[in-house]
């Protein structure tokens, strides 16, 4: 006859020696305890997938190991819901395969390996995502460098827009030239528009302190002068010397 109590006590002693830092007894009757399991440390940097951890709670039943123990995930770190479901499914499979033998170490080891697989899978997904983004960035850079591939459709669309832009530019230039021509007045038009322009020069000199005085007597007998301006030998200076 199997002494279930003896087998359970012997396994507890072995488990405590194997997992001294992560083994905790919760109760003695029924015997219940926890073991904390984490993915391997030192294999993953901070920039990669974070380490995952699960604290498993086991409770012996009277006929263990002929009957599987009870288990649950007591606490966890960085595990998603589907990860925990996978762990519980794994524990069920391992328990069924090891009925009749003490199995806590086997169950914990299986969970340990599963956690490592989860971290590796997440790391691979992150690397694939990183490569995908890098490839997308390279493709975008190639497209930007090569420019748009010319087709009949986009060329005709570009040509139509170019012609419209050129026509608009010509109309704008013509309008500016017409407005410039209208705003440019002749000298006569300026004087007709502003009669003060005929005295502007004199006013400017007076404002500057240069008063202009005209001796009208100098011009009284100007009509009596015999100026032979048509004579090629005419010299106004010689005319003055003759009078002397």
Protein backbone atom coordinates (compact mmCIF):
# COMPACT_ATOMS: atom_id res chain seq x y z
CA UNK A 1 0.00 0.00 0.00
CA UNK A 2 1.32 3.43 -1.04
CA UNK A 3 2.23 5.79 1.76
CA UNK A 4 1.17 9.06 0.13
CA UNK A 5 2.13 11.16 3.13
CA UNK A 6 5.69 9.82 3.14
CA UNK A 7 6.14 10.48 -0.56
CA UNK A 8 4.82 14.02 -0.19
CA UNK A 9 7.14 14.81 2.76
CA UNK A 10 10.17 13.48 0.91
CA UNK A 11 9.32 15.56 -2.17
CA UNK A 12 8.89 18.71 -0.08
CA UNK A 13 12.38 18.29 1.40
CA UNK A 14 13.85 17.84 -2.07
CA UNK A 15 11.95 20.83 -3.52
CA UNK A 16 13.06 23.07 -0.65
CA UNK A 17 16.70 22.17 -1.27
CA UNK A 18 16.38 22.75 -5.04
CA UNK A 19 14.55 26.10 -4.75
CA UNK A 20 15.72 27.54 -1.40
CA UNK A 21 15.10 31.18 -2.41
CA UNK A 22 11.77 30.75 -4.18
CA UNK A 23 10.05 28.05 -2.13
CA UNK A 24 7.47 29.12 0.45
CA UNK A 25 5.14 26.94 2.53
CA UNK A 26 1.67 28.44 2.83
CA UNK A 27 -0.07 25.76 4.92
CA UNK A 28 0.56 22.24 6.26
CA UNK A 29 -2.92 20.74 6.18
CA UNK A 30 -3.59 20.51 3.37
CA UNK A 31 0.03 20.98 2.36
CA UNK A 32 0.21 24.07 0.15
CA UNK A 33 3.30 25.95 -1.09
CA UNK A 34 4.55 28.32 -3.80
CA UNK A 35 7.55 28.25 -6.10
CA UNK A 36 8.56 31.31 -8.09
CA UNK A 37 9.85 30.64 -11.60
CA UNK A 38 11.45 33.22 -13.91
CA UNK A 39 12.94 33.23 -17.37
CA UNK A 40 16.72 32.87 -17.48
CA UNK A 41 18.54 36.04 -16.42
CA UNK A 42 21.47 37.58 -18.26
CA UNK A 43 20.35 36.59 -21.76
CA UNK A 44 18.20 39.63 -22.52
CA UNK A 45 19.16 43.28 -22.42
CA UNK A 46 16.91 46.09 -21.29
CA UNK A 47 16.21 47.09 -24.90
CA UNK A 48 14.91 43.61 -25.69
CA UNK A 49 12.04 41.59 -24.21
CA UNK A 50 11.64 41.92 -20.47
CA UNK A 51 12.09 38.88 -18.26
CA UNK A 52 8.89 37.13 -17.26
CA UNK A 53 8.04 35.53 -13.96
CA UNK A 54 5.33 33.31 -12.49
CA UNK A 55 4.72 32.20 -8.94
CA UNK A 56 3.06 28.76 -8.99
CA UNK A 57 0.93 27.56 -6.10
CA UNK A 58 0.62 23.80 -5.54
CA UNK A 59 -1.64 21.97 -3.10
CA UNK A 60 -1.30 18.26 -2.40
CA UNK A 61 -4.41 16.06 -2.46
CA UNK A 62 -4.70 12.92 -0.34
CA UNK A 63 -3.74 10.45 -3.07
CA UNK A 64 -0.96 12.48 -4.72
CA UNK A 65 1.03 11.40 -6.75
CA UNK A 66 -1.55 8.95 -8.12
CA UNK A 67 -3.82 11.99 -8.45
CA UNK A 68 -2.46 15.31 -9.78
CA UNK A 69 -1.94 18.13 -7.28
CA UNK A 70 -3.97 21.32 -7.50
CA UNK A 71 -2.22 24.30 -9.08
CA UNK A 72 -2.74 27.92 -9.99
CA UNK A 73 -0.70 30.95 -11.01
CA UNK A 74 -0.44 32.80 -7.69
CA UNK A 75 1.19 35.94 -9.20
CA UNK A 76 3.07 36.94 -12.35
CA UNK A 77 5.17 39.65 -14.02
CA UNK A 78 5.11 40.63 -17.72
CA UNK A 79 2.81 37.78 -18.69
CA UNK A 80 -0.18 38.30 -20.95
CA UNK A 81 -3.47 36.48 -20.48
CA UNK A 82 -2.74 34.04 -23.28
CA UNK A 83 0.68 33.31 -21.75
CA UNK A 84 -0.95 32.28 -18.48
CA UNK A 85 -3.45 30.11 -20.33
CA UNK A 86 -0.56 28.38 -22.11
CA UNK A 87 1.15 27.72 -18.77
CA UNK A 88 -1.97 26.20 -17.23
CA UNK A 89 -2.45 23.99 -20.29
CA UNK A 90 1.18 22.88 -20.07
CA UNK A 91 0.79 21.95 -16.40
CA UNK A 92 -2.25 19.81 -17.22
CA UNK A 93 -0.40 17.93 -19.96
CA UNK A 94 2.67 17.30 -17.81
CA UNK A 95 0.57 16.12 -14.85
CA UNK A 96 -1.28 13.59 -16.99
CA UNK A 97 2.02 12.25 -18.38
CA UNK A 98 3.57 11.83 -14.91
CA UNK A 99 0.76 10.28 -12.88
CA UNK A 100 2.01 7.88 -10.23
CA UNK A 101 5.32 9.72 -9.78
CA UNK A 102 6.15 12.79 -7.73
CA UNK A 103 6.01 15.54 -10.31
CA UNK A 104 6.49 19.01 -8.77
CA UNK A 105 10.05 19.35 -10.03
CA UNK A 106 8.96 18.17 -13.49
CA UNK A 107 6.08 20.67 -13.58
CA UNK A 108 8.26 23.57 -12.44
CA UNK A 109 10.99 22.70 -14.94
CA UNK A 110 8.45 22.60 -17.78
CA UNK A 111 7.13 26.04 -16.80
CA UNK A 112 10.70 27.37 -16.59
CA UNK A 113 11.39 26.25 -20.16
CA UNK A 114 8.07 27.68 -21.31
CA UNK A 115 8.90 31.10 -19.88
CA UNK A 116 12.22 31.10 -21.73
CA UNK A 117 10.41 30.21 -24.96
CA UNK A 118 7.95 33.06 -24.43
CA UNK A 119 10.74 35.58 -23.99
CA UNK A 120 12.55 34.29 -27.10
CA UNK A 121 9.34 34.47 -29.13
CA UNK A 122 8.72 38.04 -28.04
CA UNK A 123 12.31 38.92 -28.84
CA UNK A 124 11.98 37.40 -32.32
CA UNK A 125 8.74 39.31 -32.93
CA UNK A 126 10.42 42.54 -31.88
CA UNK A 127 13.37 41.89 -34.19
CA UNK A 128 11.06 41.06 -37.08
CA UNK A 129 9.08 44.23 -36.44
CA UNK A 130 12.30 46.21 -36.34
CA UNK A 131 13.49 44.70 -39.63
CA UNK A 132 10.10 45.38 -41.21
CA UNK A 133 10.24 49.04 -40.22
CA UNK A 134 13.81 49.33 -41.49
CA UNK A 135 12.80 47.81 -44.83
CA UNK A 136 9.84 50.17 -45.09
CA UNK A 137 12.13 53.11 -44.36
CA UNK A 138 14.59 51.93 -47.04
CA UNK A 139 11.80 51.54 -49.60
CA UNK A 140 10.49 55.01 -48.77
CA UNK A 141 13.99 56.42 -49.20
CA UNK A 142 14.37 54.72 -52.57
CA UNK A 143 11.06 56.10 -53.75
CA UNK A 144 12.05 59.60 -52.61
CA UNK A 145 15.42 59.30 -54.37
CA UNK A 146 14.08 57.88 -57.61
CA UNK A 147 11.09 60.20 -57.79
CA UNK A 148 7.75 59.38 -59.30
CA UNK A 149 7.73 56.97 -62.22
CA UNK A 150 6.46 58.79 -65.31
CA UNK A 151 3.42 57.29 -66.97
CA UNK A 152 1.22 58.60 -69.75
CA UNK A 153 -1.49 59.42 -67.26
CA UNK A 154 0.59 61.40 -64.77
CA UNK A 155 2.52 63.12 -67.59
CA UNK A 156 -0.70 64.37 -69.20
CA UNK A 157 -1.95 65.52 -65.82
CA UNK A 158 1.32 67.36 -65.19
CA UNK A 159 1.26 68.92 -68.69
CA UNK A 160 -2.28 70.21 -68.26
CA UNK A 161 -1.45 71.76 -64.90
CA UNK A 162 1.77 73.27 -66.27
CA UNK A 163 -0.07 74.90 -69.18
CA UNK A 164 -2.70 76.34 -66.83
CA UNK A 165 0.00 77.74 -64.57
CA UNK A 166 1.85 79.31 -67.53
CA UNK A 167 -1.35 80.88 -68.90
CA UNK A 168 -2.14 82.32 -65.48
CA UNK A 169 1.40 83.72 -65.21
CA UNK A 170 1.10 85.38 -68.65
CA UNK A 171 -2.26 86.94 -67.75
CA UNK A 172 -0.83 88.24 -64.50
CA UNK A 173 2.21 89.74 -66.22
CA UNK A 174 0.08 91.38 -68.92
CA UNK A 175 -2.19 92.88 -66.28
CA UNK A 176 0.78 94.29 -64.38
CA UNK A 177 2.21 95.79 -67.56
CA UNK A 178 -1.12 97.42 -68.41
CA UNK A 179 -1.43 98.87 -64.92
CA UNK A 180 2.16 100.15 -65.12
CA UNK A 181 1.51 101.83 -68.48
CA UNK A 182 -1.58 103.56 -67.12
CA UNK A 183 0.25 104.85 -64.07
CA UNK A 184 3.21 106.30 -66.09
CA UNK A 185 2.41 109.97 -67.08
CA UNK A 186 4.23 112.25 -69.51
CA UNK A 187 5.78 115.54 -68.40
CA UNK A 188 2.95 117.47 -69.96
CA UNK A 189 0.40 115.31 -68.16
CA UNK A 190 2.22 115.90 -64.88
CA UNK A 191 2.12 119.70 -65.33
CA UNK A 192 -1.51 119.60 -66.37
CA UNK A 193 -2.34 117.58 -63.29
CA UNK A 194 -0.24 119.76 -60.87
CA UNK A 195 0.25 123.46 -61.79
CA UNK A 196 2.61 123.97 -58.88
CA UNK A 197 5.34 122.08 -60.73
CA UNK A 198 6.23 125.17 -62.85
CA UNK A 199 7.41 127.03 -59.74
CA UNK A 200 8.79 124.06 -57.89
CA UNK A 201 12.44 124.65 -58.82
CA UNK A 202 12.37 128.29 -57.75
CA UNK A 203 10.56 127.38 -54.57
CA UNK A 204 13.18 124.72 -53.89
CA UNK A 205 16.01 127.27 -54.23
CA UNK A 206 14.21 129.79 -52.03
CA UNK A 207 13.62 127.13 -49.35
CA UNK A 208 17.33 126.37 -49.47
CA UNK A 209 18.21 130.05 -48.87
CA UNK A 210 19.22 130.83 -52.47
CA UNK A 211 17.01 133.76 -53.45
CA UNK A 212 16.97 134.37 -57.18
CA UNK A 213 16.80 138.03 -58.23
CA UNK A 214 16.35 138.95 -61.87
CA UNK A 215 17.43 142.40 -63.17
CA UNK A 216 14.80 143.14 -65.78
CA UNK A 217 16.69 146.20 -67.06
CA UNK A 218 19.23 143.91 -68.66
CA UNK A 219 16.58 142.72 -71.01
CA UNK A 220 14.89 146.06 -71.88
CA UNK A 221 16.97 146.86 -75.01
CA UNK A 222 17.60 143.35 -76.06
CA UNK A 223 15.51 143.84 -79.20
CA UNK A 224 17.79 146.77 -80.27
CA UNK A 225 20.84 144.61 -80.28
CA UNK A 226 22.18 143.63 -83.66
CA UNK A 227 23.02 140.01 -83.09
CA UNK A 228 24.41 138.33 -86.15
CA UNK A 229 23.76 134.89 -84.82
CA UNK A 230 23.50 133.53 -88.32
CA UNK A 231 27.04 134.70 -89.09
CA UNK A 232 29.43 131.76 -88.63
CA UNK A 233 32.12 134.23 -87.50
CA UNK A 234 29.90 135.82 -84.85
CA UNK A 235 31.53 135.99 -81.42
CA UNK A 236 29.71 137.65 -78.54
CA UNK A 237 33.01 138.37 -76.79
CA UNK A 238 34.42 140.32 -79.74
CA UNK A 239 31.19 142.31 -79.83
CA UNK A 240 31.78 143.43 -76.28
CA UNK A 241 35.40 144.39 -77.03
CA UNK A 242 34.36 146.57 -79.98
CA UNK A 243 32.08 148.61 -77.74
CA UNK A 244 34.97 149.27 -75.42
